[in-house]
Amino acid sequence: MKLKKNIAVSESGFVFDPNSGDSFSMNPVGAEILNLLKQEKDFDKIHDTMTKKYDVPSGEFDKYFLDFIQTLKQFNLMENDD
């Protein structure tokens, strides 16, 4: 589960894909998760970081995280799983 290396993510949540020219806006939580993905943090590290920081139940985070990853895949922002 890796974000493509050439995807640019600003602190304000602006995301740019230079391959397609597409740009997206993320809320602060989405931008934070994208930055963790850019740092190649694994699911467990992202899960621990976000559930502690935002005091969200584990199962609830898992559901929303997987939905978020699916959306990133739909927009071709993730590396292909091998």
PDB file of N, CA and C in Angstrom:
ATOM      1  N   MET A   1       0.855  -1.172   0.000  1.00  0.00           N
ATOM      2  CA  MET A   1       0.000   0.000   0.000  1.00  0.00           C
ATOM      3  C   MET A   1       0.902   1.236   0.000  1.00  0.00           C
ATOM      4  N   LYS A   2       1.160   1.747  -1.202  1.00  0.00           N
ATOM      5  CA  LYS A   2       2.045   2.899  -1.332  1.00  0.00           C
ATOM      6  C   LYS A   2       1.418   3.949  -2.228  1.00  0.00           C
ATOM      7  N   LEU A   3       1.556   5.191  -1.797  1.00  0.00           N
ATOM      8  CA  LEU A   3       1.185   6.317  -2.633  1.00  0.00           C
ATOM      9  C   LEU A   3       2.256   6.444  -3.713  1.00  0.00           C
ATOM     10  N   LYS A   4       1.865   6.762  -4.935  1.00  0.00           N
ATOM     11  CA  LYS A   4       2.850   6.943  -5.996  1.00  0.00           C
ATOM     12  C   LYS A   4       3.844   8.031  -5.573  1.00  0.00           C
ATOM     13  N   LYS A   5       5.104   7.817  -5.873  1.00  0.00           N
ATOM     14  CA  LYS A   5       6.166   8.707  -5.410  1.00  0.00           C
ATOM     15  C   LYS A   5       6.068  10.117  -5.986  1.00  0.00           C
ATOM     16  N   ASN A   6       5.529  10.259  -7.178  1.00  0.00           N
ATOM     17  CA  ASN A   6       5.496  11.571  -7.810  1.00  0.00           C
ATOM     18  C   ASN A   6       4.272  12.411  -7.424  1.00  0.00           C
ATOM     19  N   ILE A   7       3.414  11.890  -6.554  1.00  0.00           N
ATOM     20  CA  ILE A   7       2.234  12.632  -6.117  1.00  0.00           C
ATOM     21  C   ILE A   7       2.670  13.710  -5.140  1.00  0.00           C
ATOM     22  N   ALA A   8       2.285  14.931  -5.419  1.00  0.00           N
ATOM     23  CA  ALA A   8       2.637  16.059  -4.548  1.00  0.00           C
ATOM     24  C   ALA A   8       1.479  16.348  -3.600  1.00  0.00           C
ATOM     25  N   VAL A   9       1.816  16.516  -2.326  1.00  0.00           N
ATOM     26  CA  VAL A   9       0.818  16.805  -1.300  1.00  0.00           C
ATOM     27  C   VAL A   9       1.288  18.042  -0.533  1.00  0.00           C
ATOM     28  N   SER A  10       0.485  19.109  -0.558  1.00  0.00           N
ATOM     29  CA  SER A  10       0.853  20.311   0.187  1.00  0.00           C
ATOM     30  C   SER A  10       0.322  20.227   1.610  1.00  0.00           C
ATOM     31  N   GLU A  11       0.823  21.095   2.475  1.00  0.00           N
ATOM     32  CA  GLU A  11       0.359  21.135   3.864  1.00  0.00           C
ATOM     33  C   GLU A  11      -1.120  21.495   3.952  1.00  0.00           C
ATOM     34  N   SER A  12      -1.608  22.222   2.983  1.00  0.00           N
ATOM     35  CA  SER A  12      -3.010  22.656   3.009  1.00  0.00           C
ATOM     36  C   SER A  12      -3.972  21.597   2.455  1.00  0.00           C
ATOM     37  N   GLY A  13      -3.419  20.455   1.995  1.00  0.00           N
ATOM     38  CA  GLY A  13      -4.274  19.382   1.506  1.00  0.00           C
ATOM     39  C   GLY A  13      -4.479  19.365   0.006  1.00  0.00           C
ATOM     40  N   PHE A  14      -3.713  20.153  -0.722  1.00  0.00           N
ATOM     41  CA  PHE A  14      -3.781  20.149  -2.182  1.00  0.00           C
ATOM     42  C   PHE A  14      -2.935  18.986  -2.689  1.00  0.00           C
ATOM     43  N   VAL A  15      -3.517  18.166  -3.558  1.00  0.00           N
ATOM     44  CA  VAL A  15      -2.835  16.984  -4.098  1.00  0.00           C
ATOM     45  C   VAL A  15      -2.754  17.144  -5.607  1.00  0.00           C
ATOM     46  N   PHE A  16      -1.566  16.884  -6.169  1.00  0.00           N
ATOM     47  CA  PHE A  16      -1.366  17.019  -7.605  1.00  0.00           C
ATOM     48  C   PHE A  16      -0.714  15.761  -8.154  1.00  0.00           C
ATOM     49  N   ASP A  17      -1.299  15.234  -9.226  1.00  0.00           N
ATOM     50  CA  ASP A  17      -0.756  14.077  -9.934  1.00  0.00           C
ATOM     51  C   ASP A  17      -0.153  14.583 -11.247  1.00  0.00           C
ATOM     52  N   PRO A  18       1.184  14.672 -11.336  1.00  0.00           N
ATOM     53  CA  PRO A  18       1.807  15.206 -12.547  1.00  0.00           C
ATOM     54  C   PRO A  18       1.620  14.330 -13.779  1.00  0.00           C
ATOM     55  N   ASN A  19       1.343  13.043 -13.583  1.00  0.00           N
ATOM     56  CA  ASN A  19       1.135  12.165 -14.741  1.00  0.00           C
ATOM     57  C   ASN A  19      -0.147  12.500 -15.484  1.00  0.00           C
ATOM     58  N   SER A  20      -1.206  12.763 -14.742  1.00  0.00           N
ATOM     59  CA  SER A  20      -2.498  13.028 -15.372  1.00  0.00           C
ATOM     60  C   SER A  20      -2.832  14.513 -15.423  1.00  0.00           C
ATOM     61  N   GLY A  21      -2.175  15.303 -14.575  1.00  0.00           N
ATOM     62  CA  GLY A  21      -2.509  16.717 -14.466  1.00  0.00           C
ATOM     63  C   GLY A  21      -3.683  16.973 -13.534  1.00  0.00           C
ATOM     64  N   ASP A  22      -4.206  15.911 -12.935  1.00  0.00           N
ATOM     65  CA  ASP A  22      -5.342  16.052 -12.024  1.00  0.00           C
ATOM     66  C   ASP A  22      -4.897  16.615 -10.684  1.00  0.00           C
ATOM     67  N   SER A  23      -5.785  17.383 -10.076  1.00  0.00           N
ATOM     68  CA  SER A  23      -5.525  17.894  -8.733  1.00  0.00           C
ATOM     69  C   SER A  23      -6.758  17.659  -7.875  1.00  0.00           C
ATOM     70  N   PHE A  24      -6.524  17.539  -6.589  1.00  0.00           N
ATOM     71  CA  PHE A  24      -7.573  17.233  -5.633  1.00  0.00           C
ATOM     72  C   PHE A  24      -7.350  18.053  -4.377  1.00  0.00           C
ATOM     73  N   SER A  25      -8.405  18.238  -3.618  1.00  0.00           N
ATOM     74  CA  SER A  25      -8.293  18.885  -2.308  1.00  0.00           C
ATOM     75  C   SER A  25      -8.695  17.884  -1.246  1.00  0.00           C
ATOM     76  N   MET A  26      -7.916  17.819  -0.186  1.00  0.00           N
ATOM     77  CA  MET A  26      -8.185  16.918   0.933  1.00  0.00           C
ATOM     78  C   MET A  26      -8.485  17.752   2.176  1.00  0.00           C
ATOM     79  N   ASN A  27      -9.275  17.178   3.064  1.00  0.00           N
ATOM     80  CA  ASN A  27      -9.421  17.829   4.355  1.00  0.00           C
ATOM     81  C   ASN A  27      -8.136  17.562   5.142  1.00  0.00           C
ATOM     82  N   PRO A  28      -7.946  18.224   6.284  1.00  0.00           N
ATOM     83  CA  PRO A  28      -6.681  18.050   7.023  1.00  0.00           C
ATOM     84  C   PRO A  28      -6.378  16.607   7.425  1.00  0.00           C
ATOM     85  N   VAL A  29      -7.380  15.837   7.776  1.00  0.00           N
ATOM     86  CA  VAL A  29      -7.140  14.445   8.164  1.00  0.00           C
ATOM     87  C   VAL A  29      -6.692  13.632   6.954  1.00  0.00           C
ATOM     88  N   GLY A  30      -7.343  13.818   5.812  1.00  0.00           N
ATOM     89  CA  GLY A  30      -6.939  13.129   4.592  1.00  0.00           C
ATOM     90  C   GLY A  30      -5.519  13.487   4.189  1.00  0.00           C
ATOM     91  N   ALA A  31      -5.171  14.781   4.311  1.00  0.00           N
ATOM     92  CA  ALA A  31      -3.815  15.220   3.968  1.00  0.00           C
ATOM     93  C   ALA A  31      -2.792  14.589   4.909  1.00  0.00           C
ATOM     94  N   GLU A  32      -3.157  14.464   6.178  1.00  0.00           N
ATOM     95  CA  GLU A  32      -2.254  13.847   7.144  1.00  0.00           C
ATOM     96  C   GLU A  32      -2.010  12.378   6.798  1.00  0.00           C
ATOM     97  N   ILE A  33      -3.058  11.666   6.430  1.00  0.00           N
ATOM     98  CA  ILE A  33      -2.912  10.266   6.038  1.00  0.00           C
ATOM     99  C   ILE A  33      -2.069  10.159   4.763  1.00  0.00           C
ATOM    100  N   LEU A  34      -2.300  11.045   3.804  1.00  0.00           N
ATOM    101  CA  LEU A  34      -1.491  11.025   2.580  1.00  0.00           C
ATOM    102  C   LEU A  34      -0.021  11.248   2.890  1.00  0.00           C
ATOM    103  N   ASN A  35       0.270  12.163   3.792  1.00  0.00           N
ATOM    104  CA  ASN A  35       1.663  12.410   4.145  1.00  0.00           C
ATOM    105  C   ASN A  35       2.286  11.197   4.840  1.00  0.00           C
ATOM    106  N   LEU A  36       1.519  10.500   5.658  1.00  0.00           N
ATOM    107  CA  LEU A  36       2.026   9.265   6.271  1.00  0.00           C
ATOM    108  C   LEU A  36       2.284   8.209   5.196  1.00  0.00           C
ATOM    109  N   LEU A  37       1.403   8.120   4.208  1.00  0.00           N
ATOM    110  CA  LEU A  37       1.617   7.187   3.097  1.00  0.00           C
ATOM    111  C   LEU A  37       2.866   7.571   2.302  1.00  0.00           C
ATOM    112  N   LYS A  38       3.068   8.857   2.074  1.00  0.00           N
ATOM    113  CA  LYS A  38       4.266   9.315   1.348  1.00  0.00           C
ATOM    114  C   LYS A  38       5.538   8.947   2.106  1.00  0.00           C
ATOM    115  N   GLN A  39       5.442   8.920   3.432  1.00  0.00           N
ATOM    116  CA  GLN A  39       6.589   8.530   4.258  1.00  0.00           C
ATOM    117  C   GLN A  39       6.736   7.010   4.334  1.00  0.00           C
ATOM    118  N   GLU A  40       5.885   6.302   3.577  1.00  0.00           N
ATOM    119  CA  GLU A  40       5.878   4.839   3.492  1.00  0.00           C
ATOM    120  C   GLU A  40       5.605   4.169   4.834  1.00  0.00           C
ATOM    121  N   LYS A  41       4.769   4.812   5.642  1.00  0.00           N
ATOM    122  CA  LYS A  41       4.331   4.193   6.897  1.00  0.00           C
ATOM    123  C   LYS A  41       3.363   3.064   6.559  1.00  0.00           C
ATOM    124  N   ASP A  42       3.442   1.981   7.303  1.00  0.00           N
ATOM    125  CA  ASP A  42       2.544   0.867   7.042  1.00  0.00           C
ATOM    126  C   ASP A  42       1.200   1.099   7.739  1.00  0.00           C
ATOM    127  N   PHE A  43       0.250   0.198   7.457  1.00  0.00           N
ATOM    128  CA  PHE A  43      -1.095   0.358   8.000  1.00  0.00           C
ATOM    129  C   PHE A  43      -1.079   0.448   9.517  1.00  0.00           C
ATOM    130  N   ASP A  44      -0.311  -0.423  10.178  1.00  0.00           N
ATOM    131  CA  ASP A  44      -0.302  -0.430  11.643  1.00  0.00           C
ATOM    132  C   ASP A  44       0.162   0.907  12.214  1.00  0.00           C
ATOM    133  N   LYS A  45       1.198   1.492  11.615  1.00  0.00           N
ATOM    134  CA  LYS A  45       1.717   2.787  12.091  1.00  0.00           C
ATOM    135  C   LYS A  45       0.677   3.894  11.858  1.00  0.00           C
ATOM    136  N   ILE A  46       0.057   3.896  10.678  1.00  0.00           N
ATOM    137  CA  ILE A  46      -0.969   4.903  10.379  1.00  0.00           C
ATOM    138  C   ILE A  46      -2.146   4.727  11.329  1.00  0.00           C
ATOM    139  N   HIS A  47      -2.567   3.489  11.532  1.00  0.00           N
ATOM    140  CA  HIS A  47      -3.683   3.180  12.430  1.00  0.00           C
ATOM    141  C   HIS A  47      -3.391   3.699  13.839  1.00  0.00           C
ATOM    142  N   ASP A  48      -2.218   3.358  14.370  1.00  0.00           N
ATOM    143  CA  ASP A  48      -1.861   3.786  15.725  1.00  0.00           C
ATOM    144  C   ASP A  48      -1.794   5.301  15.846  1.00  0.00           C
ATOM    145  N   THR A  49      -1.169   5.935  14.868  1.00  0.00           N
ATOM    146  CA  THR A  49      -1.033   7.396  14.886  1.00  0.00           C
ATOM    147  C   THR A  49      -2.388   8.081  14.885  1.00  0.00           C
ATOM    148  N   MET A  50      -3.249   7.674  13.980  1.00  0.00           N
ATOM    149  CA  MET A  50      -4.532   8.363  13.811  1.00  0.00           C
ATOM    150  C   MET A  50      -5.518   8.056  14.938  1.00  0.00           C
ATOM    151  N   THR A  51      -5.564   6.803  15.397  1.00  0.00           N
ATOM    152  CA  THR A  51      -6.535   6.474  16.453  1.00  0.00           C
ATOM    153  C   THR A  51      -6.148   7.115  17.780  1.00  0.00           C
ATOM    154  N   LYS A  52      -4.862   7.273  18.025  1.00  0.00           N
ATOM    155  CA  LYS A  52      -4.427   7.945  19.257  1.00  0.00           C
ATOM    156  C   LYS A  52      -4.648   9.456  19.158  1.00  0.00           C
ATOM    157  N   LYS A  53      -4.279  10.031  18.040  1.00  0.00           N
ATOM    158  CA  LYS A  53      -4.381  11.484  17.889  1.00  0.00           C
ATOM    159  C   LYS A  53      -5.835  11.953  17.897  1.00  0.00           C
ATOM    160  N   TYR A  54      -6.714  11.207  17.248  1.00  0.00           N
ATOM    161  CA  TYR A  54      -8.102  11.639  17.100  1.00  0.00           C
ATOM    162  C   TYR A  54      -9.090  10.865  17.966  1.00  0.00           C
ATOM    163  N   ASP A  55      -8.591   9.960  18.809  1.00  0.00           N
ATOM    164  CA  ASP A  55      -9.439   9.207  19.735  1.00  0.00           C
ATOM    165  C   ASP A  55     -10.649   8.599  19.021  1.00  0.00           C
ATOM    166  N   VAL A  56     -10.349   7.910  17.928  1.00  0.00           N
ATOM    167  CA  VAL A  56     -11.392   7.258  17.132  1.00  0.00           C
ATOM    168  C   VAL A  56     -11.331   5.749  17.396  1.00  0.00           C
ATOM    169  N   PRO A  57     -12.473   5.091  17.514  1.00  0.00           N
ATOM    170  CA  PRO A  57     -12.465   3.637  17.707  1.00  0.00           C
ATOM    171  C   PRO A  57     -11.762   2.923  16.552  1.00  0.00           C
ATOM    172  N   SER A  58     -11.045   1.873  16.887  1.00  0.00           N
ATOM    173  CA  SER A  58     -10.234   1.142  15.923  1.00  0.00           C
ATOM    174  C   SER A  58     -11.032   0.669  14.710  1.00  0.00           C
ATOM    175  N   GLY A  59     -12.157   0.010  14.941  1.00  0.00           N
ATOM    176  CA  GLY A  59     -12.963  -0.513  13.840  1.00  0.00           C
ATOM    177  C   GLY A  59     -13.513   0.581  12.944  1.00  0.00           C
ATOM    178  N   GLU A  60     -13.864   1.701  13.544  1.00  0.00           N
ATOM    179  CA  GLU A  60     -14.377   2.831  12.769  1.00  0.00           C
ATOM    180  C   GLU A  60     -13.277   3.402  11.880  1.00  0.00           C
ATOM    181  N   PHE A  61     -12.070   3.560  12.434  1.00  0.00           N
ATOM    182  CA  PHE A  61     -10.954   4.056  11.629  1.00  0.00           C
ATOM    183  C   PHE A  61     -10.679   3.105  10.470  1.00  0.00           C
ATOM    184  N   ASP A  62     -10.643   1.792  10.764  1.00  0.00           N
ATOM    185  CA  ASP A  62     -10.342   0.809   9.719  1.00  0.00           C
ATOM    186  C   ASP A  62     -11.293   0.939   8.541  1.00  0.00           C
ATOM    187  N   LYS A  63     -12.577   1.067   8.824  1.00  0.00           N
ATOM    188  CA  LYS A  63     -13.590   1.180   7.769  1.00  0.00           C
ATOM    189  C   LYS A  63     -13.334   2.414   6.909  1.00  0.00           C
ATOM    190  N   TYR A  64     -13.159   3.567   7.558  1.00  0.00           N
ATOM    191  CA  TYR A  64     -12.957   4.806   6.801  1.00  0.00           C
ATOM    192  C   TYR A  64     -11.617   4.817   6.072  1.00  0.00           C
ATOM    193  N   PHE A  65     -10.592   4.227   6.676  1.00  0.00           N
ATOM    194  CA  PHE A  65      -9.290   4.167   6.026  1.00  0.00           C
ATOM    195  C   PHE A  65      -9.358   3.330   4.759  1.00  0.00           C
ATOM    196  N   LEU A  66      -9.990   2.166   4.834  1.00  0.00           N
ATOM    197  CA  LEU A  66     -10.098   1.318   3.649  1.00  0.00           C
ATOM    198  C   LEU A  66     -10.917   1.987   2.548  1.00  0.00           C
ATOM    199  N   ASP A  67     -11.966   2.713   2.917  1.00  0.00           N
ATOM    200  CA  ASP A  67     -12.737   3.484   1.935  1.00  0.00           C
ATOM    201  C   ASP A  67     -11.864   4.559   1.286  1.00  0.00           C
ATOM    202  N   PHE A  68     -11.046   5.220   2.110  1.00  0.00           N
ATOM    203  CA  PHE A  68     -10.146   6.270   1.622  1.00  0.00           C
ATOM    204  C   PHE A  68      -9.131   5.690   0.635  1.00  0.00           C
ATOM    205  N   ILE A  69      -8.550   4.544   0.981  1.00  0.00           N
ATOM    206  CA  ILE A  69      -7.576   3.893   0.099  1.00  0.00           C
ATOM    207  C   ILE A  69      -8.230   3.501  -1.226  1.00  0.00           C
ATOM    208  N   GLN A  70      -9.454   2.995  -1.171  1.00  0.00           N
ATOM    209  CA  GLN A  70     -10.178   2.646  -2.401  1.00  0.00           C
ATOM    210  C   GLN A  70     -10.368   3.876  -3.284  1.00  0.00           C
ATOM    211  N   THR A  71     -10.681   4.998  -2.671  1.00  0.00           N
ATOM    212  CA  THR A  71     -10.854   6.241  -3.435  1.00  0.00           C
ATOM    213  C   THR A  71      -9.532   6.651  -4.076  1.00  0.00           C
ATOM    214  N   LEU A  72      -8.439   6.556  -3.332  1.00  0.00           N
ATOM    215  CA  LEU A  72      -7.125   6.889  -3.899  1.00  0.00           C
ATOM    216  C   LEU A  72      -6.807   5.979  -5.088  1.00  0.00           C
ATOM    217  N   LYS A  73      -7.155   4.696  -4.977  1.00  0.00           N
ATOM    218  CA  LYS A  73      -6.924   3.762  -6.082  1.00  0.00           C
ATOM    219  C   LYS A  73      -7.774   4.127  -7.296  1.00  0.00           C
ATOM    220  N   GLN A  74      -9.024   4.540  -7.061  1.00  0.00           N
ATOM    221  CA  GLN A  74      -9.899   4.927  -8.170  1.00  0.00           C
ATOM    222  C   GLN A  74      -9.329   6.111  -8.936  1.00  0.00           C
ATOM    223  N   PHE A  75      -8.647   7.013  -8.217  1.00  0.00           N
ATOM    224  CA  PHE A  75      -8.051   8.179  -8.860  1.00  0.00           C
ATOM    225  C   PHE A  75      -6.619   7.914  -9.311  1.00  0.00           C
ATOM    226  N   ASN A  76      -6.207   6.627  -9.248  1.00  0.00           N
ATOM    227  CA  ASN A  76      -4.888   6.202  -9.724  1.00  0.00           C
ATOM    228  C   ASN A  76      -3.737   6.910  -9.000  1.00  0.00           C
ATOM    229  N   LEU A  77      -3.884   7.084  -7.695  1.00  0.00           N
ATOM    230  CA  LEU A  77      -2.858   7.741  -6.898  1.00  0.00           C
ATOM    231  C   LEU A  77      -1.984   6.742  -6.120  1.00  0.00           C
ATOM    232  N   MET A  78      -2.365   5.464  -6.169  1.00  0.00           N
ATOM    233  CA  MET A  78      -1.624   4.437  -5.436  1.00  0.00           C
ATOM    234  C   MET A  78      -0.841   3.567  -6.403  1.00  0.00           C
ATOM    235  N   GLU A  79       0.290   3.026  -5.898  1.00  0.00           N
ATOM    236  CA  GLU A  79       1.058   2.052  -6.682  1.00  0.00           C
ATOM    237  C   GLU A  79       0.212   0.796  -6.809  1.00  0.00           C
ATOM    238  N   ASN A  80       0.418   0.059  -7.881  1.00  0.00           N
ATOM    239  CA  ASN A  80      -0.284  -1.214  -8.050  1.00  0.00           C
ATOM    240  C   ASN A  80       0.234  -2.212  -7.035  1.00  0.00           C
ATOM    241  N   ASP A  81      -0.681  -2.971  -6.430  1.00  0.00           N
ATOM    242  CA  ASP A  81      -0.298  -4.028  -5.497  1.00  0.00           C
ATOM    243  C   ASP A  81       0.265  -5.201  -6.291  1.00  0.00           C
ATOM    244  N   ASP A  82       1.411  -5.670  -5.840  1.00  0.00           N
ATOM    245  CA  ASP A  82       2.016  -6.835  -6.519  1.00  0.00           C
ATOM    246  C   ASP A  82       1.713  -8.094  -5.753  1.00  0.00           C
TER     247      ASP A  82
END
